[in-house]
């Protein structure tokens, strides 16, 4: 059972689960905030439940509804209907907040989110972790900064690629906000592979696993690489930064736990992710 299968990460997860019998109800058909009674019937007979649904922007009330209340209802429905099914929930590196430069952040580090989004995701993670402590097979995959085919403009790589592609097609030069920080970028297809491995695992899993590239990439290096692939000058840094992440200058995932638990490691290089988002296509055509 896959919730959020129509979203950016959800579509990649659905593709990674090809060969399994996947049910992915549309958001218009299932409202996770409506209460557990509306969900329980869907879960009966499921071997695994994957939750890619969530809210990334908007007022605090909407974030709380989509990232906390919805998770609480899903957990209640799961425990009532099919507590033996494995549950995999997608968390966010925004739960960690700012990290010490040069030091990978591990699952044992104290989370200190700096945005309403990060706080709401952390609250959802806490609910799943509480179910894990009660002996239920529940795991949170804490996803760092995803990119790849279909990246939305709400995320920096999506905005960056869209601006560079427009410039390459004769539009105005690309611009972006400040590029002072470092982020851990991970391809959405690698995230999907981690979800597939966790959802189909037979052995018990930890409550929380980081999913990232294990590298901190300077945002200017990301922009420079994208510009080179688009055969465009680097974007001008204009305007303010993202309210969700402006206070976070460094993030890098420690992957020791996820590698030990799932045998998973990221495989798609950053340049390939950008190419598959539509950069460098012109250069490849004779």
C-alpha atoms as a PDB file:
ATOM      1  CA  UNK A   1       0.000   0.000   0.000  1.00  0.00           C
ATOM      2  CA  UNK A   2       1.616   3.243  -1.191  1.00  0.00           C
ATOM      3  CA  UNK A   3       0.368   6.622  -0.024  1.00  0.00           C
ATOM      4  CA  UNK A   4       1.590   9.695  -1.897  1.00  0.00           C
ATOM      5  CA  UNK A   5       2.348   7.702  -5.030  1.00  0.00           C
ATOM      6  CA  UNK A   6       1.562  10.664  -7.298  1.00  0.00           C
ATOM      7  CA  UNK A   7       4.169  12.946  -5.686  1.00  0.00           C
ATOM      8  CA  UNK A   8       7.766  13.520  -6.739  1.00  0.00           C
ATOM      9  CA  UNK A   9       9.278  10.774  -4.566  1.00  0.00           C
ATOM     10  CA  UNK A  10       6.154   8.636  -4.630  1.00  0.00           C
ATOM     11  CA  UNK A  11       6.306   8.214  -8.410  1.00  0.00           C
ATOM     12  CA  UNK A  12       9.885   6.972  -8.175  1.00  0.00           C
ATOM     13  CA  UNK A  13       8.954   4.616  -5.334  1.00  0.00           C
ATOM     14  CA  UNK A  14       6.096   3.196  -7.401  1.00  0.00           C
ATOM     15  CA  UNK A  15       8.503   2.584 -10.297  1.00  0.00           C
ATOM     16  CA  UNK A  16      11.003   0.890  -7.977  1.00  0.00           C
ATOM     17  CA  UNK A  17       8.264  -1.457  -6.741  1.00  0.00           C
ATOM     18  CA  UNK A  18       7.535  -2.766 -10.241  1.00  0.00           C
ATOM     19  CA  UNK A  19       6.967  -6.496  -9.926  1.00  0.00           C
ATOM     20  CA  UNK A  20       5.138  -6.149  -6.609  1.00  0.00           C
ATOM     21  CA  UNK A  21       1.373  -5.822  -6.278  1.00  0.00           C
ATOM     22  CA  UNK A  22       1.165  -2.104  -5.451  1.00  0.00           C
ATOM     23  CA  UNK A  23      -2.002  -0.221  -4.544  1.00  0.00           C
ATOM     24  CA  UNK A  24      -1.551   3.556  -4.672  1.00  0.00           C
ATOM     25  CA  UNK A  25      -4.821   5.380  -3.953  1.00  0.00           C
ATOM     26  CA  UNK A  26      -5.152   8.917  -5.301  1.00  0.00           C
ATOM     27  CA  UNK A  27      -5.056  11.756  -2.787  1.00  0.00           C
ATOM     28  CA  UNK A  28      -8.525  12.770  -3.969  1.00  0.00           C
ATOM     29  CA  UNK A  29      -9.804   9.315  -2.985  1.00  0.00           C
ATOM     30  CA  UNK A  30      -8.097   8.990   0.409  1.00  0.00           C
ATOM     31  CA  UNK A  31      -7.654  11.784   2.939  1.00  0.00           C
ATOM     32  CA  UNK A  32      -5.241  10.666   5.665  1.00  0.00           C
ATOM     33  CA  UNK A  33      -6.351  13.586   7.836  1.00  0.00           C
ATOM     34  CA  UNK A  34      -9.983  12.404   7.827  1.00  0.00           C
ATOM     35  CA  UNK A  35      -9.433   9.795  10.520  1.00  0.00           C
ATOM     36  CA  UNK A  36      -8.274   6.171  10.855  1.00  0.00           C
ATOM     37  CA  UNK A  37     -11.698   4.780   9.965  1.00  0.00           C
ATOM     38  CA  UNK A  38     -11.275   6.071   6.422  1.00  0.00           C
ATOM     39  CA  UNK A  39      -7.979   4.194   6.023  1.00  0.00           C
ATOM     40  CA  UNK A  40      -8.210   0.928   7.940  1.00  0.00           C
ATOM     41  CA  UNK A  41     -10.149  -0.945   5.272  1.00  0.00           C
ATOM     42  CA  UNK A  42      -7.487  -0.173   2.683  1.00  0.00           C
ATOM     43  CA  UNK A  43      -4.729  -1.681   4.795  1.00  0.00           C
ATOM     44  CA  UNK A  44      -6.172  -5.126   5.429  1.00  0.00           C
ATOM     45  CA  UNK A  45      -4.088  -7.783   3.732  1.00  0.00           C
ATOM     46  CA  UNK A  46      -1.154  -5.462   3.025  1.00  0.00           C
ATOM     47  CA  UNK A  47       2.350  -6.862   3.505  1.00  0.00           C
ATOM     48  CA  UNK A  48       3.904  -3.399   3.632  1.00  0.00           C
ATOM     49  CA  UNK A  49       2.704   0.188   3.924  1.00  0.00           C
ATOM     50  CA  UNK A  50       4.774   3.037   2.507  1.00  0.00           C
ATOM     51  CA  UNK A  51       3.937   6.658   3.317  1.00  0.00           C
ATOM     52  CA  UNK A  52       5.360   9.184   0.860  1.00  0.00           C
ATOM     53  CA  UNK A  53       2.517  11.636   1.479  1.00  0.00           C
ATOM     54  CA  UNK A  54       3.140  14.925   3.225  1.00  0.00           C
ATOM     55  CA  UNK A  55       3.005  18.709   3.051  1.00  0.00           C
ATOM     56  CA  UNK A  56       6.136  20.761   2.313  1.00  0.00           C
ATOM     57  CA  UNK A  57       4.895  24.358   2.244  1.00  0.00           C
ATOM     58  CA  UNK A  58       2.143  26.524   3.648  1.00  0.00           C
ATOM     59  CA  UNK A  59       0.926  27.681   7.065  1.00  0.00           C
ATOM     60  CA  UNK A  60       1.788  25.826  10.249  1.00  0.00           C
ATOM     61  CA  UNK A  61      -1.732  24.414  10.563  1.00  0.00           C
ATOM     62  CA  UNK A  62      -1.503  22.789   7.130  1.00  0.00           C
ATOM     63  CA  UNK A  63       1.953  21.384   7.876  1.00  0.00           C
ATOM     64  CA  UNK A  64       0.702  19.930  11.158  1.00  0.00           C
ATOM     65  CA  UNK A  65      -2.326  18.373   9.468  1.00  0.00           C
ATOM     66  CA  UNK A  66      -0.364  16.793   6.610  1.00  0.00           C
ATOM     67  CA  UNK A  67       2.754  15.739   8.523  1.00  0.00           C
ATOM     68  CA  UNK A  68       1.501  14.974  12.021  1.00  0.00           C
ATOM     69  CA  UNK A  69      -2.264  14.359  12.138  1.00  0.00           C
ATOM     70  CA  UNK A  70      -2.175  12.292   8.938  1.00  0.00           C
ATOM     71  CA  UNK A  71       0.660  10.148  10.313  1.00  0.00           C
ATOM     72  CA  UNK A  72      -1.182   9.639  13.606  1.00  0.00           C
ATOM     73  CA  UNK A  73      -4.295   8.458  11.758  1.00  0.00           C
ATOM     74  CA  UNK A  74      -2.292   6.158   9.510  1.00  0.00           C
ATOM     75  CA  UNK A  75      -0.553   4.576  12.498  1.00  0.00           C
ATOM     76  CA  UNK A  76      -3.863   4.061  14.314  1.00  0.00           C
ATOM     77  CA  UNK A  77      -5.440   2.470  11.256  1.00  0.00           C
ATOM     78  CA  UNK A  78      -2.383   0.263  10.737  1.00  0.00           C
ATOM     79  CA  UNK A  79      -2.408  -1.025  14.314  1.00  0.00           C
ATOM     80  CA  UNK A  80      -6.111  -1.808  14.051  1.00  0.00           C
ATOM     81  CA  UNK A  81      -6.073  -3.431  10.627  1.00  0.00           C
ATOM     82  CA  UNK A  82      -2.695  -5.006   9.862  1.00  0.00           C
ATOM     83  CA  UNK A  83      -0.075  -4.527  12.609  1.00  0.00           C
ATOM     84  CA  UNK A  84       2.102  -7.291  11.139  1.00  0.00           C
ATOM     85  CA  UNK A  85       2.682  -5.348   7.925  1.00  0.00           C
ATOM     86  CA  UNK A  86       5.931  -3.385   7.747  1.00  0.00           C
ATOM     87  CA  UNK A  87       5.473   0.386   7.703  1.00  0.00           C
ATOM     88  CA  UNK A  88       8.004   2.690   6.016  1.00  0.00           C
ATOM     89  CA  UNK A  89       7.531   6.425   6.464  1.00  0.00           C
ATOM     90  CA  UNK A  90       9.538   9.152   4.697  1.00  0.00           C
ATOM     91  CA  UNK A  91      11.036  11.752   7.017  1.00  0.00           C
ATOM     92  CA  UNK A  92      13.205  14.735   6.155  1.00  0.00           C
ATOM     93  CA  UNK A  93      16.689  16.023   6.882  1.00  0.00           C
ATOM     94  CA  UNK A  94      14.935  19.269   7.861  1.00  0.00           C
ATOM     95  CA  UNK A  95      14.298  17.499  11.164  1.00  0.00           C
ATOM     96  CA  UNK A  96      18.009  17.795  11.994  1.00  0.00           C
ATOM     97  CA  UNK A  97      18.302  21.538  11.411  1.00  0.00           C
ATOM     98  CA  UNK A  98      21.764  23.080  11.307  1.00  0.00           C
ATOM     99  CA  UNK A  99      24.763  20.766  11.686  1.00  0.00           C
ATOM    100  CA  UNK A 100      28.400  21.402  12.545  1.00  0.00           C
ATOM    101  CA  UNK A 101      30.341  22.072   9.305  1.00  0.00           C
ATOM    102  CA  UNK A 102      32.534  19.141   8.294  1.00  0.00           C
ATOM    103  CA  UNK A 103      30.683  16.593  10.446  1.00  0.00           C
ATOM    104  CA  UNK A 104      28.186  14.076   9.019  1.00  0.00           C
ATOM    105  CA  UNK A 105      24.934  13.985  10.973  1.00  0.00           C
ATOM    106  CA  UNK A 106      23.913  10.606  12.399  1.00  0.00           C
ATOM    107  CA  UNK A 107      20.558   9.226  13.520  1.00  0.00           C
ATOM    108  CA  UNK A 108      21.703   9.476  17.148  1.00  0.00           C
ATOM    109  CA  UNK A 109      22.271  13.251  16.901  1.00  0.00           C
ATOM    110  CA  UNK A 110      19.767  15.477  18.661  1.00  0.00           C
ATOM    111  CA  UNK A 111      17.365  16.976  16.094  1.00  0.00           C
ATOM    112  CA  UNK A 112      16.985  20.758  16.203  1.00  0.00           C
ATOM    113  CA  UNK A 113      14.715  21.828  13.338  1.00  0.00           C
ATOM    114  CA  UNK A 114      14.726  25.515  12.423  1.00  0.00           C
ATOM    115  CA  UNK A 115      11.488  25.694  10.390  1.00  0.00           C
ATOM    116  CA  UNK A 116       7.828  24.889  10.890  1.00  0.00           C
ATOM    117  CA  UNK A 117       8.201  22.227   8.206  1.00  0.00           C
ATOM    118  CA  UNK A 118      11.098  20.588  10.071  1.00  0.00           C
ATOM    119  CA  UNK A 119       9.172  20.628  13.345  1.00  0.00           C
ATOM    120  CA  UNK A 120       6.120  19.034  11.725  1.00  0.00           C
ATOM    121  CA  UNK A 121       8.201  16.280  10.110  1.00  0.00           C
ATOM    122  CA  UNK A 122       9.991  15.607  13.394  1.00  0.00           C
ATOM    123  CA  UNK A 123       6.658  15.211  15.173  1.00  0.00           C
ATOM    124  CA  UNK A 124       5.589  12.652  12.562  1.00  0.00           C
ATOM    125  CA  UNK A 125       8.871  10.795  13.002  1.00  0.00           C
ATOM    126  CA  UNK A 126       8.340  10.750  16.776  1.00  0.00           C
ATOM    127  CA  UNK A 127       4.978   9.025  16.305  1.00  0.00           C
ATOM    128  CA  UNK A 128       6.506   6.326  14.103  1.00  0.00           C
ATOM    129  CA  UNK A 129       9.423   5.871  16.524  1.00  0.00           C
ATOM    130  CA  UNK A 130       6.942   5.396  19.377  1.00  0.00           C
ATOM    131  CA  UNK A 131       5.257   2.595  17.417  1.00  0.00           C
ATOM    132  CA  UNK A 132       8.673   1.007  16.861  1.00  0.00           C
ATOM    133  CA  UNK A 133       9.324   1.095  20.626  1.00  0.00           C
ATOM    134  CA  UNK A 134       6.056  -0.772  21.132  1.00  0.00           C
ATOM    135  CA  UNK A 135       7.493  -3.594  19.014  1.00  0.00           C
ATOM    136  CA  UNK A 136       5.806  -2.749  15.723  1.00  0.00           C
ATOM    137  CA  UNK A 137       7.785  -3.020  12.442  1.00  0.00           C
ATOM    138  CA  UNK A 138       7.876   0.730  11.718  1.00  0.00           C
ATOM    139  CA  UNK A 139      10.832   2.581  10.181  1.00  0.00           C
ATOM    140  CA  UNK A 140      11.456   6.188   9.160  1.00  0.00           C
ATOM    141  CA  UNK A 141      13.757   6.857   6.220  1.00  0.00           C
ATOM    142  CA  UNK A 142      15.049  10.376   6.854  1.00  0.00           C
ATOM    143  CA  UNK A 143      15.595  11.667   3.306  1.00  0.00           C
ATOM    144  CA  UNK A 144      18.137  14.418   2.698  1.00  0.00           C
ATOM    145  CA  UNK A 145      17.870  16.678  -0.401  1.00  0.00           C
ATOM    146  CA  UNK A 146      16.304  14.692  -3.252  1.00  0.00           C
ATOM    147  CA  UNK A 147      16.667  15.531  -6.923  1.00  0.00           C
ATOM    148  CA  UNK A 148      16.340  13.780 -10.264  1.00  0.00           C
ATOM    149  CA  UNK A 149      13.700  13.461 -12.977  1.00  0.00           C
ATOM    150  CA  UNK A 150      10.553  15.346 -12.017  1.00  0.00           C
ATOM    151  CA  UNK A 151      12.128  17.513  -9.308  1.00  0.00           C
ATOM    152  CA  UNK A 152       9.564  20.240  -8.543  1.00  0.00           C
ATOM    153  CA  UNK A 153      10.375  23.940  -8.668  1.00  0.00           C
ATOM    154  CA  UNK A 154       9.753  24.099  -4.912  1.00  0.00           C
ATOM    155  CA  UNK A 155      13.196  22.511  -4.493  1.00  0.00           C
ATOM    156  CA  UNK A 156      16.420  24.358  -5.366  1.00  0.00           C
ATOM    157  CA  UNK A 157      17.641  21.851  -8.012  1.00  0.00           C
ATOM    158  CA  UNK A 158      14.261  22.038  -9.743  1.00  0.00           C
ATOM    159  CA  UNK A 159      14.285  25.832  -9.848  1.00  0.00           C
ATOM    160  CA  UNK A 160      17.913  25.876 -10.947  1.00  0.00           C
ATOM    161  CA  UNK A 161      17.409  23.455 -13.822  1.00  0.00           C
ATOM    162  CA  UNK A 162      14.221  25.175 -14.973  1.00  0.00           C
ATOM    163  CA  UNK A 163      16.008  28.551 -15.075  1.00  0.00           C
ATOM    164  CA  UNK A 164      18.998  27.184 -16.962  1.00  0.00           C
ATOM    165  CA  UNK A 165      16.851  25.331 -19.494  1.00  0.00           C
ATOM    166  CA  UNK A 166      14.821  28.486 -20.111  1.00  0.00           C
ATOM    167  CA  UNK A 167      18.027  30.478 -20.612  1.00  0.00           C
ATOM    168  CA  UNK A 168      19.347  27.865 -23.049  1.00  0.00           C
ATOM    169  CA  UNK A 169      16.124  28.205 -25.035  1.00  0.00           C
ATOM    170  CA  UNK A 170      16.640  31.946 -25.421  1.00  0.00           C
ATOM    171  CA  UNK A 171      15.082  33.205 -22.226  1.00  0.00           C
ATOM    172  CA  UNK A 172      16.639  35.558 -19.665  1.00  0.00           C
ATOM    173  CA  UNK A 173      19.798  34.495 -17.788  1.00  0.00           C
ATOM    174  CA  UNK A 174      19.120  32.157 -14.882  1.00  0.00           C
ATOM    175  CA  UNK A 175      19.024  33.551 -11.351  1.00  0.00           C
ATOM    176  CA  UNK A 176      18.850  31.991  -7.922  1.00  0.00           C
ATOM    177  CA  UNK A 177      18.927  32.921  -4.264  1.00  0.00           C
ATOM    178  CA  UNK A 178      22.093  32.851  -2.126  1.00  0.00           C
ATOM    179  CA  UNK A 179      24.291  29.797  -2.683  1.00  0.00           C
ATOM    180  CA  UNK A 180      26.408  29.957   0.468  1.00  0.00           C
ATOM    181  CA  UNK A 181      25.567  26.578   1.983  1.00  0.00           C
ATOM    182  CA  UNK A 182      26.381  22.891   1.577  1.00  0.00           C
ATOM    183  CA  UNK A 183      23.721  20.189   1.134  1.00  0.00           C
ATOM    184  CA  UNK A 184      23.593  16.434   0.801  1.00  0.00           C
ATOM    185  CA  UNK A 185      21.873  15.754  -2.538  1.00  0.00           C
ATOM    186  CA  UNK A 186      20.557  12.258  -3.236  1.00  0.00           C
ATOM    187  CA  UNK A 187      18.883  11.009  -6.401  1.00  0.00           C
ATOM    188  CA  UNK A 188      15.193  10.197  -6.044  1.00  0.00           C
ATOM    189  CA  UNK A 189      15.801   6.816  -7.672  1.00  0.00           C
ATOM    190  CA  UNK A 190      18.320   5.969  -4.955  1.00  0.00           C
ATOM    191  CA  UNK A 191      15.725   7.014  -2.364  1.00  0.00           C
ATOM    192  CA  UNK A 192      13.201   4.740  -4.056  1.00  0.00           C
ATOM    193  CA  UNK A 193      15.658   1.825  -3.963  1.00  0.00           C
ATOM    194  CA  UNK A 194      16.096   2.357  -0.218  1.00  0.00           C
ATOM    195  CA  UNK A 195      12.315   2.383   0.252  1.00  0.00           C
ATOM    196  CA  UNK A 196      11.946  -0.838  -1.746  1.00  0.00           C
ATOM    197  CA  UNK A 197      14.652  -2.561   0.274  1.00  0.00           C
ATOM    198  CA  UNK A 198      13.165  -1.407   3.589  1.00  0.00           C
ATOM    199  CA  UNK A 199       9.596  -2.314   2.623  1.00  0.00           C
ATOM    200  CA  UNK A 200      10.548  -5.833   1.555  1.00  0.00           C
ATOM    201  CA  UNK A 201      13.067  -6.545   4.337  1.00  0.00           C
ATOM    202  CA  UNK A 202      12.470  -9.631   6.445  1.00  0.00           C
ATOM    203  CA  UNK A 203      14.796  -8.814   9.327  1.00  0.00           C
ATOM    204  CA  UNK A 204      13.911  -6.206  11.971  1.00  0.00           C
ATOM    205  CA  UNK A 205      15.027  -2.678  11.098  1.00  0.00           C
ATOM    206  CA  UNK A 206      16.000   0.312  13.240  1.00  0.00           C
ATOM    207  CA  UNK A 207      13.400   3.005  13.851  1.00  0.00           C
ATOM    208  CA  UNK A 208      15.351   5.635  11.907  1.00  0.00           C
ATOM    209  CA  UNK A 209      17.682   5.484   8.907  1.00  0.00           C
ATOM    210  CA  UNK A 210      19.366   8.322   7.032  1.00  0.00           C
ATOM    211  CA  UNK A 211      19.027   8.270   3.241  1.00  0.00           C
ATOM    212  CA  UNK A 212      21.447  10.618   1.488  1.00  0.00           C
ATOM    213  CA  UNK A 213      24.555  10.675  -0.660  1.00  0.00           C
ATOM    214  CA  UNK A 214      26.975  10.869   2.263  1.00  0.00           C
ATOM    215  CA  UNK A 215      28.565  13.972   0.671  1.00  0.00           C
ATOM    216  CA  UNK A 216      28.149  17.671   1.380  1.00  0.00           C
ATOM    217  CA  UNK A 217      27.993  19.532  -1.935  1.00  0.00           C
ATOM    218  CA  UNK A 218      28.562  23.277  -2.038  1.00  0.00           C
ATOM    219  CA  UNK A 219      25.505  24.909  -3.557  1.00  0.00           C
ATOM    220  CA  UNK A 220      27.728  26.981  -5.851  1.00  0.00           C
ATOM    221  CA  UNK A 221      29.319  23.755  -7.093  1.00  0.00           C
ATOM    222  CA  UNK A 222      25.849  22.362  -7.817  1.00  0.00           C
ATOM    223  CA  UNK A 223      24.947  25.536  -9.709  1.00  0.00           C
ATOM    224  CA  UNK A 224      28.275  25.530 -11.565  1.00  0.00           C
ATOM    225  CA  UNK A 225      27.890  21.901 -12.621  1.00  0.00           C
ATOM    226  CA  UNK A 226      24.316  22.480 -13.769  1.00  0.00           C
ATOM    227  CA  UNK A 227      25.352  25.601 -15.702  1.00  0.00           C
ATOM    228  CA  UNK A 228      28.199  23.732 -17.416  1.00  0.00           C
ATOM    229  CA  UNK A 229      25.829  20.947 -18.483  1.00  0.00           C
ATOM    230  CA  UNK A 230      23.405  23.551 -19.828  1.00  0.00           C
ATOM    231  CA  UNK A 231      26.270  25.425 -21.541  1.00  0.00           C
ATOM    232  CA  UNK A 232      25.197  28.577 -19.704  1.00  0.00           C
ATOM    233  CA  UNK A 233      26.931  31.001 -17.333  1.00  0.00           C
ATOM    234  CA  UNK A 234      26.427  30.311 -13.618  1.00  0.00           C
ATOM    235  CA  UNK A 235      23.184  31.845 -12.328  1.00  0.00           C
ATOM    236  CA  UNK A 236      23.259  35.251 -10.645  1.00  0.00           C
ATOM    237  CA  UNK A 237      22.525  35.113  -6.911  1.00  0.00           C
ATOM    238  CA  UNK A 238      19.629  37.499  -6.369  1.00  0.00           C
ATOM    239  CA  UNK A 239      16.960  37.781  -3.694  1.00  0.00           C
ATOM    240  CA  UNK A 240      16.570  36.007  -0.386  1.00  0.00           C
ATOM    241  CA  UNK A 241      16.992  32.389   0.624  1.00  0.00           C
ATOM    242  CA  UNK A 242      14.426  29.716   1.377  1.00  0.00           C
ATOM    243  CA  UNK A 243      12.538  30.143   4.630  1.00  0.00           C
ATOM    244  CA  UNK A 244      12.775  26.369   5.113  1.00  0.00           C
ATOM    245  CA  UNK A 245      16.570  26.145   4.935  1.00  0.00           C
ATOM    246  CA  UNK A 246      18.230  29.572   4.987  1.00  0.00           C
ATOM    247  CA  UNK A 247      19.459  28.988   8.548  1.00  0.00           C
ATOM    248  CA  UNK A 248      21.040  25.631   7.636  1.00  0.00           C
ATOM    249  CA  UNK A 249      24.514  26.125   6.197  1.00  0.00           C
ATOM    250  CA  UNK A 250      25.748  22.507   6.207  1.00  0.00           C
ATOM    251  CA  UNK A 251      24.206  19.061   5.944  1.00  0.00           C
ATOM    252  CA  UNK A 252      25.825  15.721   5.225  1.00  0.00           C
ATOM    253  CA  UNK A 253      24.327  12.331   6.012  1.00  0.00           C
ATOM    254  CA  UNK A 254      26.119   9.657   7.986  1.00  0.00           C
ATOM    255  CA  UNK A 255      25.201   6.466   6.105  1.00  0.00           C
ATOM    256  CA  UNK A 256      26.766   3.882   8.421  1.00  0.00           C
ATOM    257  CA  UNK A 257      23.464   2.725   9.911  1.00  0.00           C
ATOM    258  CA  UNK A 258      21.497   2.452   6.654  1.00  0.00           C
ATOM    259  CA  UNK A 259      24.360   0.599   4.978  1.00  0.00           C
ATOM    260  CA  UNK A 260      24.523  -1.884   7.845  1.00  0.00           C
ATOM    261  CA  UNK A 261      20.747  -2.364   8.064  1.00  0.00           C
ATOM    262  CA  UNK A 262      19.808  -2.453   4.366  1.00  0.00           C
ATOM    263  CA  UNK A 263      23.079  -2.988   2.509  1.00  0.00           C
ATOM    264  CA  UNK A 264      22.066   0.172   0.622  1.00  0.00           C
ATOM    265  CA  UNK A 265      24.328   2.827  -0.809  1.00  0.00           C
ATOM    266  CA  UNK A 266      23.559   5.627  -3.296  1.00  0.00           C
ATOM    267  CA  UNK A 267      24.543   4.861  -6.885  1.00  0.00           C
ATOM    268  CA  UNK A 268      23.474   7.763  -9.122  1.00  0.00           C
ATOM    269  CA  UNK A 269      26.138  10.501  -9.464  1.00  0.00           C
ATOM    270  CA  UNK A 270      25.078  14.126  -9.090  1.00  0.00           C
ATOM    271  CA  UNK A 271      25.928  14.940 -12.718  1.00  0.00           C
ATOM    272  CA  UNK A 272      23.728  12.078 -13.905  1.00  0.00           C
ATOM    273  CA  UNK A 273      20.839  13.355 -11.800  1.00  0.00           C
ATOM    274  CA  UNK A 274      21.153  16.773 -13.442  1.00  0.00           C
ATOM    275  CA  UNK A 275      21.426  15.273 -16.927  1.00  0.00           C
ATOM    276  CA  UNK A 276      18.305  13.233 -16.326  1.00  0.00           C
ATOM    277  CA  UNK A 277      16.518  16.430 -15.300  1.00  0.00           C
ATOM    278  CA  UNK A 278      17.080  17.677 -18.842  1.00  0.00           C
ATOM    279  CA  UNK A 279      20.492  19.338 -18.781  1.00  0.00           C
ATOM    280  CA  UNK A 280      23.115  18.545 -21.406  1.00  0.00           C
ATOM    281  CA  UNK A 281      20.556  17.119 -23.805  1.00  0.00           C
ATOM    282  CA  UNK A 282      21.510  19.559 -26.574  1.00  0.00           C
ATOM    283  CA  UNK A 283      25.193  18.650 -26.329  1.00  0.00           C
ATOM    284  CA  UNK A 284      24.386  14.955 -26.752  1.00  0.00           C
ATOM    285  CA  UNK A 285      22.544  15.466 -30.050  1.00  0.00           C
ATOM    286  CA  UNK A 286      24.811  15.285 -33.167  1.00  0.00           C
END
